[in-house]
Amino acid sequence: IIEAPVNNEQFSLAKFGYSNMFEFVGSFGGKHNAAVTLARALIVLISNIMQLNTSKYKSTLILISLIGCIVLYKTYVRTGYLAFFCGITVIYFSIGNIRAKLSKVPVLLIAFIICYFVFQSSEILQMRMLDKSIYDDVGQLGSGRLMFYTIGLLSYMESSLLQILIGVGDGKAKEIMASYVGHGYASHSGILDILRISGLIGIVIFTKLMHSILTLIRKNSLEKSSTL
């Protein structure tokens, strides 16, 4: 937990009137990267907790996961929250049978109640989730992402054949976005960014890489389950 860069109001809690608060922003990257990375790590921990049949390591993993959830909350990054929620949803629906799913419902209800009370008791969390700042009372859910998606997709479709195949590169992609919105933002979609930057060839290679990783994970998971 380190102090937010309050000198840059666009990316800190100062935008929401909390310049003296602390937030988790990560040691080596921006707080968005830190939040998403932390969410992924928590998903791995929780998945391991559910697969372990022995209680030897469960208490330690549960403690680490609780600390991680608190730190994730302190990032105040909606993308991190969404990544964590999506991961938990995937884990829940991957549980074998209906009986096992029903057995986890009380835990999910408790988690929902805790999240509800935290949200109701935290003004800054409400402002952050609804994207309301001290400068603007009207929030914009998604922070304009739909516009970024549209510009990214249209700029790709309007590219030359060579650019469609091999992409335009990161710098040029940001220049195109800047010509529309005045700032070199990414499109906020990993798949769309790969398509714009590396073209069809890049997205095919990326898809093949993801398939290989998933195959390896499933193989290792089956081997691990058979040894537990």
Protein backbone atom coordinates (compact mmCIF):
# COMPACT_ATOMS: atom_id res chain seq x y z
CA ILE A 1 0.00 0.00 0.00
CA ILE A 2 1.66 3.20 -1.12
CA GLU A 3 0.47 6.77 -1.44
CA ALA A 4 -1.30 7.73 -4.65
CA PRO A 5 0.41 10.13 -7.12
CA VAL A 6 -1.84 13.00 -6.10
CA ASN A 7 0.03 15.46 -8.31
CA ASN A 8 -1.67 13.84 -11.31
CA GLU A 9 -5.36 14.30 -10.62
CA GLN A 10 -6.49 12.39 -13.71
CA PHE A 11 -5.14 9.13 -12.30
CA SER A 12 -5.41 9.59 -8.54
CA LEU A 13 -8.01 9.87 -5.82
CA ALA A 14 -7.56 13.64 -5.85
CA LYS A 15 -10.01 13.64 -8.75
CA PHE A 16 -12.63 12.37 -6.32
CA GLY A 17 -11.74 14.75 -3.51
CA TYR A 18 -9.56 12.33 -1.52
CA SER A 19 -6.03 13.55 -2.15
CA ASN A 20 -4.89 12.53 1.35
CA MET A 21 -6.04 8.91 1.15
CA PHE A 22 -3.87 5.93 0.34
CA GLU A 23 -4.46 3.56 -2.50
CA PHE A 24 -2.61 0.58 -3.92
CA VAL A 25 -0.95 1.55 -7.19
CA GLY A 26 1.71 -1.14 -7.59
CA SER A 27 5.48 -0.99 -7.35
CA PHE A 28 6.45 -1.18 -11.01
CA GLY A 29 3.38 -0.24 -13.03
CA GLY A 30 0.22 1.81 -13.01
CA LYS A 31 -2.57 0.99 -10.62
CA HIS A 32 -4.75 -0.46 -13.40
CA ASN A 33 -2.04 -2.99 -14.25
CA ALA A 34 -1.54 -3.70 -10.56
CA ALA A 35 -5.26 -4.24 -10.00
CA VAL A 36 -5.72 -6.63 -12.94
CA THR A 37 -2.56 -8.58 -12.05
CA LEU A 38 -3.70 -8.82 -8.44
CA ALA A 39 -7.16 -9.99 -9.51
CA ARG A 40 -5.60 -12.75 -11.61
CA ALA A 41 -3.38 -13.83 -8.72
CA LEU A 42 -6.39 -13.99 -6.41
CA ILE A 43 -8.27 -16.15 -8.90
CA VAL A 44 -5.35 -18.59 -8.96
CA LEU A 45 -5.21 -18.67 -5.15
CA ILE A 46 -8.95 -19.20 -4.77
CA SER A 47 -8.92 -21.90 -7.44
CA ASN A 48 -6.11 -23.69 -5.59
CA ILE A 49 -7.98 -23.41 -2.29
CA MET A 50 -11.02 -25.09 -3.81
CA GLN A 51 -8.95 -27.91 -5.32
CA LEU A 52 -6.95 -28.76 -2.19
CA ASN A 53 -8.31 -31.69 -0.23
CA THR A 54 -5.90 -31.18 2.65
CA SER A 55 -6.14 -28.32 5.14
CA LYS A 56 -2.37 -28.11 5.51
CA TYR A 57 -2.04 -25.07 3.24
CA LYS A 58 -5.64 -23.89 3.08
CA SER A 59 -5.45 -21.58 6.09
CA THR A 60 -2.37 -19.84 4.70
CA LEU A 61 -3.88 -19.45 1.25
CA ILE A 62 -7.15 -18.15 2.71
CA LEU A 63 -5.25 -15.55 4.78
CA ILE A 64 -3.26 -14.43 1.73
CA SER A 65 -6.46 -14.26 -0.33
CA LEU A 66 -8.21 -12.10 2.29
CA ILE A 67 -5.26 -9.70 2.35
CA GLY A 68 -5.30 -9.67 -1.45
CA CYS A 69 -9.02 -8.83 -1.52
CA ILE A 70 -8.44 -5.88 0.81
CA VAL A 71 -5.58 -4.61 -1.33
CA LEU A 72 -7.67 -5.07 -4.50
CA TYR A 73 -10.41 -3.00 -2.89
CA LYS A 74 -7.85 -0.29 -2.09
CA THR A 75 -6.91 0.05 -5.75
CA TYR A 76 -10.36 1.55 -6.48
CA VAL A 77 -9.97 0.26 -10.04
CA ARG A 78 -13.18 -1.00 -11.67
CA THR A 79 -11.28 -3.06 -14.23
CA GLY A 80 -9.63 -5.00 -11.42
CA TYR A 81 -12.98 -5.57 -9.73
CA LEU A 82 -14.49 -6.77 -13.02
CA ALA A 83 -11.57 -9.14 -13.70
CA PHE A 84 -11.97 -10.61 -10.22
CA PHE A 85 -15.75 -11.00 -10.59
CA CYS A 86 -15.41 -12.69 -13.99
CA GLY A 87 -12.80 -15.08 -12.60
CA ILE A 88 -14.95 -15.99 -9.60
CA THR A 89 -17.90 -16.59 -11.94
CA VAL A 90 -15.84 -18.94 -14.11
CA ILE A 91 -14.61 -20.84 -11.03
CA TYR A 92 -18.16 -21.17 -9.67
CA PHE A 93 -19.64 -22.54 -12.89
CA SER A 94 -16.70 -24.91 -13.32
CA ILE A 95 -17.67 -26.69 -10.09
CA GLY A 96 -18.71 -30.23 -11.00
CA ASN A 97 -22.33 -30.85 -10.03
CA ILE A 98 -25.41 -28.97 -8.85
CA ARG A 99 -24.94 -30.11 -5.25
CA ALA A 100 -21.42 -28.67 -5.16
CA LYS A 101 -22.67 -25.41 -6.66
CA LEU A 102 -25.46 -25.13 -4.08
CA SER A 103 -23.01 -25.74 -1.25
CA LYS A 104 -21.14 -22.57 -2.25
CA VAL A 105 -24.24 -20.35 -2.31
CA PRO A 106 -24.00 -19.35 1.41
CA VAL A 107 -20.39 -18.24 0.86
CA LEU A 108 -21.42 -16.17 -2.16
CA LEU A 109 -24.29 -14.59 -0.22
CA ILE A 110 -21.96 -13.62 2.63
CA ALA A 111 -19.49 -12.15 0.13
CA PHE A 112 -22.32 -10.21 -1.55
CA ILE A 113 -23.55 -8.81 1.78
CA ILE A 114 -20.01 -7.72 2.72
CA CYS A 115 -19.54 -6.03 -0.66
CA TYR A 116 -22.91 -4.29 -0.31
CA PHE A 117 -22.11 -2.85 3.11
CA VAL A 118 -18.62 -1.79 1.99
CA PHE A 119 -20.14 -0.01 -1.00
CA GLN A 120 -22.79 1.71 1.12
CA SER A 121 -20.25 2.86 3.69
CA SER A 122 -17.62 4.15 1.27
CA GLU A 123 -18.39 7.41 -0.50
CA ILE A 124 -15.20 7.25 -2.54
CA LEU A 125 -16.03 3.73 -3.76
CA GLN A 126 -19.46 4.93 -4.86
CA MET A 127 -17.93 7.87 -6.72
CA ARG A 128 -15.30 5.65 -8.31
CA MET A 129 -17.77 2.98 -9.42
CA LEU A 130 -20.13 5.57 -10.91
CA ASP A 131 -17.22 7.69 -12.22
CA LYS A 132 -18.43 10.81 -10.44
CA SER A 133 -15.76 13.34 -9.55
CA ILE A 134 -15.56 16.65 -7.72
CA TYR A 135 -15.51 18.29 -11.16
CA ASP A 136 -18.49 16.50 -12.65
CA ASP A 137 -21.57 15.17 -10.87
CA VAL A 138 -22.64 13.09 -13.86
CA GLY A 139 -20.82 9.79 -14.08
CA GLN A 140 -19.96 7.99 -17.30
CA LEU A 141 -19.98 4.23 -16.86
CA GLY A 142 -17.21 2.60 -18.83
CA SER A 143 -15.13 5.81 -19.05
CA GLY A 144 -15.92 6.17 -22.74
CA ARG A 145 -14.79 2.65 -23.65
CA LEU A 146 -17.59 2.13 -26.18
CA MET A 147 -16.29 5.15 -28.08
CA PHE A 148 -12.74 3.76 -27.95
CA TYR A 149 -13.95 0.38 -29.20
CA THR A 150 -15.82 2.01 -32.08
CA ILE A 151 -12.87 4.18 -33.14
CA GLY A 152 -10.46 1.26 -32.88
CA LEU A 153 -12.64 -1.04 -34.98
CA LEU A 154 -13.49 1.59 -37.61
CA SER A 155 -9.85 2.67 -37.95
CA TYR A 156 -8.87 -0.96 -38.49
CA MET A 157 -11.56 -1.55 -41.12
CA GLU A 158 -10.49 1.61 -42.96
CA SER A 159 -6.83 0.53 -43.07
CA SER A 160 -5.00 -0.66 -46.16
CA LEU A 161 -4.79 -4.37 -46.99
CA LEU A 162 -1.20 -4.57 -45.73
CA GLN A 163 -2.14 -2.86 -42.48
CA ILE A 164 -5.09 -5.22 -42.03
CA LEU A 165 -2.72 -8.17 -42.38
CA ILE A 166 0.25 -7.00 -40.27
CA GLY A 167 -1.19 -4.06 -38.30
CA VAL A 168 0.00 -0.49 -37.89
CA GLY A 169 2.12 -0.81 -34.75
CA ASP A 170 1.53 0.62 -31.30
CA GLY A 171 2.71 4.15 -32.03
CA LYS A 172 0.59 4.58 -35.15
CA ALA A 173 -2.46 3.08 -33.45
CA LYS A 174 -2.19 5.67 -30.68
CA GLU A 175 -1.71 8.45 -33.24
CA ILE A 176 -4.94 7.39 -34.95
CA MET A 177 -6.80 7.41 -31.63
CA ALA A 178 -5.34 10.83 -30.82
CA SER A 179 -6.66 12.19 -34.10
CA TYR A 180 -10.19 11.34 -32.91
CA VAL A 181 -10.13 12.06 -29.17
CA GLY A 182 -7.04 14.23 -28.75
CA HIS A 183 -5.08 11.67 -26.74
CA GLY A 184 -3.19 8.53 -27.71
CA TYR A 185 -5.32 6.07 -25.76
CA ALA A 186 -5.38 2.37 -26.41
CA SER A 187 -8.75 0.97 -27.46
CA HIS A 188 -9.14 -0.60 -23.97
CA SER A 189 -9.70 -4.01 -25.55
CA GLY A 190 -6.77 -6.38 -25.61
CA ILE A 191 -8.13 -8.33 -28.59
CA LEU A 192 -8.90 -5.17 -30.57
CA ASP A 193 -5.51 -3.65 -29.73
CA ILE A 194 -3.71 -6.77 -30.98
CA LEU A 195 -5.79 -6.62 -34.16
CA ARG A 196 -4.92 -2.95 -34.72
CA ILE A 197 -1.26 -3.24 -33.76
CA SER A 198 -0.35 -6.67 -35.21
CA GLY A 199 -3.13 -7.30 -37.72
CA LEU A 200 -4.74 -10.59 -38.68
CA ILE A 201 -1.41 -12.40 -38.50
CA GLY A 202 -0.89 -11.17 -34.95
CA ILE A 203 -4.37 -12.15 -33.77
CA VAL A 204 -3.95 -15.65 -35.23
CA ILE A 205 -0.63 -16.09 -33.41
CA PHE A 206 -2.17 -14.71 -30.20
CA THR A 207 -5.14 -17.09 -30.46
CA LYS A 208 -2.81 -20.04 -30.98
CA LEU A 209 -0.77 -18.97 -27.94
CA MET A 210 -3.87 -18.71 -25.74
CA HIS A 211 -5.06 -22.12 -26.91
CA SER A 212 -1.68 -23.63 -26.04
CA ILE A 213 -1.74 -22.05 -22.58
CA LEU A 214 -5.28 -23.30 -21.88
CA THR A 215 -4.34 -26.79 -23.05
CA LEU A 216 -1.33 -26.78 -20.72
CA ILE A 217 -3.40 -25.52 -17.78
CA ARG A 218 -6.06 -28.20 -18.29
CA LYS A 219 -3.43 -30.91 -18.61
CA ASN A 220 -1.66 -29.81 -15.42
CA SER A 221 -4.96 -29.44 -13.57
CA LEU A 222 -5.96 -33.00 -14.42
CA GLU A 223 -2.56 -34.31 -13.36
CA LYS A 224 -2.73 -32.32 -10.11
CA SER A 225 -6.26 -33.52 -9.32
CA SER A 226 -5.21 -37.15 -9.80
CA THR A 227 -2.38 -36.76 -7.29
CA LEU A 228 -4.34 -34.97 -4.55
